[in-house]
């Protein structure tokens, strides 16, 4: 049986999941990260998430998560 899924076969993260990622980064690293630092921390969080481990598919996710993080609302 072949249960290996290609990264493009995984569903995108939901708005709630993105909000939770941003909140987790805020909780661990504080709320004053620059966008560049935030992106680095987010990619560290995503290292082991299928489809996001390389960072190649993460541009839109980083933008969405940054919007949630920068909004400062948990």
C-alpha atoms as a PDB file:
ATOM      1  CA  UNK A   1       0.000   0.000   0.000  1.00  0.00           C
ATOM      2  CA  UNK A   2       1.290   3.444  -0.889  1.00  0.00           C
ATOM      3  CA  UNK A   3       0.122   5.919   1.740  1.00  0.00           C
ATOM      4  CA  UNK A   4       2.672   8.620   0.926  1.00  0.00           C
ATOM      5  CA  UNK A   5       0.945  11.819  -0.135  1.00  0.00           C
ATOM      6  CA  UNK A   6       2.467  14.390  -2.423  1.00  0.00           C
ATOM      7  CA  UNK A   7       2.641  17.844  -0.764  1.00  0.00           C
ATOM      8  CA  UNK A   8       0.048  19.224  -3.167  1.00  0.00           C
ATOM      9  CA  UNK A   9      -2.439  16.580  -1.985  1.00  0.00           C
ATOM     10  CA  UNK A  10      -2.756  18.066   1.501  1.00  0.00           C
ATOM     11  CA  UNK A  11      -5.592  20.494   2.151  1.00  0.00           C
ATOM     12  CA  UNK A  12      -4.601  24.086   2.898  1.00  0.00           C
ATOM     13  CA  UNK A  13      -4.670  25.258   6.487  1.00  0.00           C
ATOM     14  CA  UNK A  14      -7.930  26.769   7.639  1.00  0.00           C
ATOM     15  CA  UNK A  15      -8.246  30.359   8.824  1.00  0.00           C
ATOM     16  CA  UNK A  16      -8.539  29.081  12.386  1.00  0.00           C
ATOM     17  CA  UNK A  17      -5.350  27.006  12.034  1.00  0.00           C
ATOM     18  CA  UNK A  18      -3.494  30.038  10.673  1.00  0.00           C
ATOM     19  CA  UNK A  19      -4.813  32.149  13.568  1.00  0.00           C
ATOM     20  CA  UNK A  20      -3.597  29.485  16.017  1.00  0.00           C
ATOM     21  CA  UNK A  21      -0.145  29.436  14.416  1.00  0.00           C
ATOM     22  CA  UNK A  22       0.129  33.210  14.732  1.00  0.00           C
ATOM     23  CA  UNK A  23      -1.050  33.052  18.359  1.00  0.00           C
ATOM     24  CA  UNK A  24       1.488  30.315  19.136  1.00  0.00           C
ATOM     25  CA  UNK A  25       4.325  32.359  17.688  1.00  0.00           C
ATOM     26  CA  UNK A  26       3.157  35.399  19.669  1.00  0.00           C
ATOM     27  CA  UNK A  27       3.018  33.289  22.837  1.00  0.00           C
ATOM     28  CA  UNK A  28       6.489  31.795  22.368  1.00  0.00           C
ATOM     29  CA  UNK A  29       8.389  34.737  20.831  1.00  0.00           C
ATOM     30  CA  UNK A  30       6.377  37.791  21.841  1.00  0.00           C
ATOM     31  CA  UNK A  31       4.425  40.277  19.779  1.00  0.00           C
ATOM     32  CA  UNK A  32       7.201  42.527  18.499  1.00  0.00           C
ATOM     33  CA  UNK A  33       8.848  40.388  15.823  1.00  0.00           C
ATOM     34  CA  UNK A  34       9.675  41.978  12.487  1.00  0.00           C
ATOM     35  CA  UNK A  35       7.998  40.410   9.469  1.00  0.00           C
ATOM     36  CA  UNK A  36      11.279  38.730   8.516  1.00  0.00           C
ATOM     37  CA  UNK A  37      11.777  37.280  12.001  1.00  0.00           C
ATOM     38  CA  UNK A  38       8.151  36.199  12.105  1.00  0.00           C
ATOM     39  CA  UNK A  39       8.536  34.379   8.780  1.00  0.00           C
ATOM     40  CA  UNK A  40      11.652  32.599  10.059  1.00  0.00           C
ATOM     41  CA  UNK A  41       9.888  31.509  13.252  1.00  0.00           C
ATOM     42  CA  UNK A  42       6.821  30.352  11.311  1.00  0.00           C
ATOM     43  CA  UNK A  43       8.956  28.247   8.977  1.00  0.00           C
ATOM     44  CA  UNK A  44      10.598  26.657  12.011  1.00  0.00           C
ATOM     45  CA  UNK A  45       7.129  25.760  13.324  1.00  0.00           C
ATOM     46  CA  UNK A  46       6.283  24.242   9.927  1.00  0.00           C
ATOM     47  CA  UNK A  47       9.445  22.173   9.447  1.00  0.00           C
ATOM     48  CA  UNK A  48       7.664  18.885  10.086  1.00  0.00           C
ATOM     49  CA  UNK A  49       4.309  19.729   8.522  1.00  0.00           C
ATOM     50  CA  UNK A  50       3.845  17.822   5.250  1.00  0.00           C
ATOM     51  CA  UNK A  51       3.693  20.178   2.307  1.00  0.00           C
ATOM     52  CA  UNK A  52       5.264  23.076   4.212  1.00  0.00           C
ATOM     53  CA  UNK A  53       8.590  21.600   5.292  1.00  0.00           C
ATOM     54  CA  UNK A  54      10.549  23.102   2.405  1.00  0.00           C
ATOM     55  CA  UNK A  55       9.072  26.565   2.665  1.00  0.00           C
ATOM     56  CA  UNK A  56       8.317  26.597  -1.066  1.00  0.00           C
ATOM     57  CA  UNK A  57       4.546  26.492  -0.566  1.00  0.00           C
ATOM     58  CA  UNK A  58       4.555  28.905   2.331  1.00  0.00           C
ATOM     59  CA  UNK A  59       4.471  32.402   0.788  1.00  0.00           C
ATOM     60  CA  UNK A  60       0.691  32.781   1.004  1.00  0.00           C
ATOM     61  CA  UNK A  61       0.628  31.149   4.426  1.00  0.00           C
ATOM     62  CA  UNK A  62       3.289  33.532   5.749  1.00  0.00           C
ATOM     63  CA  UNK A  63       1.300  36.514   4.475  1.00  0.00           C
ATOM     64  CA  UNK A  64      -1.934  35.246   6.047  1.00  0.00           C
ATOM     65  CA  UNK A  65      -0.280  34.362   9.351  1.00  0.00           C
ATOM     66  CA  UNK A  66       1.560  37.698   9.461  1.00  0.00           C
ATOM     67  CA  UNK A  67      -1.779  39.493   9.050  1.00  0.00           C
ATOM     68  CA  UNK A  68      -3.143  37.588  12.060  1.00  0.00           C
ATOM     69  CA  UNK A  69       0.037  38.164  14.082  1.00  0.00           C
ATOM     70  CA  UNK A  70       0.298  41.860  13.214  1.00  0.00           C
ATOM     71  CA  UNK A  71      -3.369  42.375  14.100  1.00  0.00           C
ATOM     72  CA  UNK A  72      -2.337  41.499  17.682  1.00  0.00           C
ATOM     73  CA  UNK A  73      -5.669  39.853  18.443  1.00  0.00           C
ATOM     74  CA  UNK A  74      -5.333  36.325  19.883  1.00  0.00           C
END
